[in-house]
Protein backbone atom coordinates (compact mmCIF):
# COMPACT_ATOMS: atom_id res chain seq x y z
CA MET A 1 28.98 56.18 -20.28
CA GLY A 2 25.40 57.73 -21.67
CA VAL A 3 24.33 61.28 -22.15
CA ILE A 4 21.62 62.60 -21.05
CA ASP A 5 19.69 65.68 -23.18
CA THR A 6 18.22 67.66 -20.42
CA ARG A 7 17.58 70.78 -22.49
CA GLY A 8 15.93 72.51 -19.17
CA GLU A 9 13.62 69.31 -19.07
CA ALA A 10 13.75 66.71 -16.14
CA PRO A 11 17.05 66.49 -14.16
CA ALA A 12 20.04 64.10 -14.62
CA LEU A 13 21.14 61.65 -13.02
CA LEU A 14 24.98 61.29 -13.39
CA SER A 15 25.53 58.60 -10.40
CA ASP A 16 23.04 56.46 -8.84
CA ALA A 17 25.43 54.99 -5.51
CA GLN A 18 28.67 55.72 -7.58
CA THR A 19 31.79 54.04 -5.28
CA GLY A 20 35.22 54.01 -6.02
CA ASN A 21 37.30 56.36 -8.30
CA GLY A 22 36.40 57.56 -11.70
CA ASN A 23 33.65 59.59 -13.56
CA SER A 24 30.32 59.91 -13.04
CA THR A 25 28.60 56.85 -15.39
CA ASP A 26 26.30 59.81 -17.04
CA PHE A 27 26.71 63.34 -18.13
CA ALA A 28 24.44 65.88 -19.12
CA SER A 29 24.00 68.31 -21.96
CA ARG A 30 22.16 71.21 -22.45
CA GLY A 31 21.63 71.58 -25.82
CA VAL A 32 23.57 72.54 -28.73
CA GLY A 33 25.19 76.21 -28.35
CA ASP A 34 23.71 77.14 -25.00
CA ILE A 35 26.14 78.79 -23.18
CA ILE A 36 23.59 81.36 -21.23
CA GLY A 37 22.18 79.32 -18.70
CA GLY A 38 24.18 78.03 -15.97
CA GLY A 39 22.42 75.05 -13.92
CA ALA A 40 23.45 73.10 -10.63
CA VAL A 41 24.82 70.11 -9.91
CA ILE A 42 23.64 68.57 -6.40
CA ILE A 43 25.71 65.32 -4.38
CA THR A 44 24.86 63.50 -1.89
CA SER A 45 27.26 61.45 -0.14
CA ALA A 46 26.63 58.00 1.95
CA VAL A 47 29.91 57.43 3.97
CA GLY A 48 31.56 54.34 5.90
CA ALA A 49 34.52 54.16 8.53
CA THR A 50 37.08 56.75 7.45
CA PRO A 51 35.60 58.39 4.09
CA THR A 52 37.10 61.08 2.25
CA VAL A 53 36.66 61.67 -1.70
CA THR A 54 38.09 64.21 -4.39
CA VAL A 55 35.29 65.59 -6.62
CA ASN A 56 35.74 67.64 -9.85
CA ILE A 57 33.01 69.06 -11.66
CA GLN A 58 33.99 68.64 -15.12
CA GLY A 59 32.60 70.50 -18.18
CA SER A 60 33.68 69.68 -22.36
CA VAL A 61 32.49 71.20 -25.34
CA ASP A 62 33.00 67.80 -27.25
CA GLY A 63 33.03 65.18 -24.83
CA VAL A 64 36.34 64.58 -25.22
CA ALA A 65 38.74 67.59 -23.59
CA TRP A 66 37.43 68.22 -20.32
CA PHE A 67 37.65 71.11 -17.61
CA ASN A 68 36.94 71.99 -14.57
CA VAL A 69 33.51 74.02 -14.54
CA PRO A 70 32.83 77.24 -12.26
CA TYR A 71 30.67 76.48 -9.29
CA ALA A 72 29.29 78.70 -6.08
CA LEU A 73 27.96 77.65 -2.83
CA VAL A 74 24.25 78.53 -2.40
CA ALA A 75 25.39 80.22 0.55
CA THR A 76 27.53 82.69 -1.86
CA PRO A 77 25.40 82.38 -4.63
CA ARG A 78 28.21 85.00 -6.88
CA THR A 79 31.92 83.67 -5.67
CA PHE A 80 32.57 81.13 -7.89
CA VAL A 81 35.71 78.70 -7.78
CA ILE A 82 37.06 75.65 -10.15
CA THR A 83 38.89 74.07 -6.89
CA ALA A 84 38.62 70.03 -6.10
CA ILE A 85 35.14 69.37 -3.57
CA THR A 86 36.82 67.07 -1.09
CA ILE A 87 33.66 64.90 0.80
CA THR A 88 34.54 63.47 4.34
CA THR A 89 31.36 63.37 6.16
CA ALA A 90 27.87 61.99 4.87
CA VAL A 91 26.20 65.53 3.14
CA THR A 92 23.52 66.80 -0.04
CA THR A 93 25.14 69.56 -0.87
CA ALA A 94 24.21 71.91 -4.09
CA TYR A 95 26.65 73.42 -6.29
CA LEU A 96 25.30 76.47 -8.55
CA LEU A 97 26.93 76.25 -12.61
CA GLN A 98 28.27 79.96 -13.37
CA PRO A 99 26.11 80.89 -16.45
CA GLY A 100 27.96 81.93 -19.76
CA GLN A 101 30.73 79.55 -19.31
CA ALA A 102 31.78 77.78 -22.28
CA TRP A 103 31.23 73.91 -22.15
CA GLN A 104 28.19 71.74 -23.64
CA VAL A 105 28.24 68.88 -20.90
CA VAL A 106 28.84 68.06 -17.82
CA ARG A 107 30.00 65.55 -15.48
CA VAL A 108 31.34 64.92 -12.43
CA ALA A 109 35.38 63.04 -11.48
CA TYR A 110 35.87 60.96 -8.00
CA THR A 111 39.22 60.84 -6.72
CA ALA A 112 40.58 59.53 -4.20
CA ASN A 113 37.89 57.69 -2.61
CA THR A 114 37.56 55.95 0.16
CA ASN A 115 34.10 54.19 1.62
CA VAL A 116 31.78 57.17 -0.05
CA THR A 117 29.22 56.37 -2.26
CA LEU A 118 27.89 58.94 -4.50
CA THR A 119 24.52 59.82 -5.96
CA THR A 120 24.84 63.13 -8.53
CA THR A 121 21.97 64.53 -10.36
CA ALA A 122 22.52 67.90 -12.87
CA TYR A 123 19.94 70.56 -13.30
CA LEU A 124 20.65 72.62 -16.38
C-alpha cells in the first residue's frame, strides 16, 4: 500500500480494477494539517453475476487507526453520512467528502465482495 500525496494536485488512483475484499491498494494524503478542504471519491464498479460489495470510505490521522469519514451524494451535497455503501450494479458514483474533518489520509475498504471489480479515485 502506498501513500499518494495529492495536496490539490492530480487525482489519486486508490484502486485500479481491484477485486475481492480488503482495503484500496493505495491511500491519498491531503497534506499535513489540512483539515479545511473536503474532496471527493469516485467509485466505478464493473459487475458479474449476482454482484454485491460493501464499501466504506475511511480516514486516518496517522495511517494506523481508521474510521469512516462523512460523505454526501452529489444530489444531496449537504446531507453527510458515515454509513457503508452497498453496490449491486455497474455504476460510477461521486461521493463528496465533508470539509473540516480531522483526517490526514483517505482509503476505501471493500467487504462482502461477490463479483464486483472496483476502480476508485480520490480528489483531495
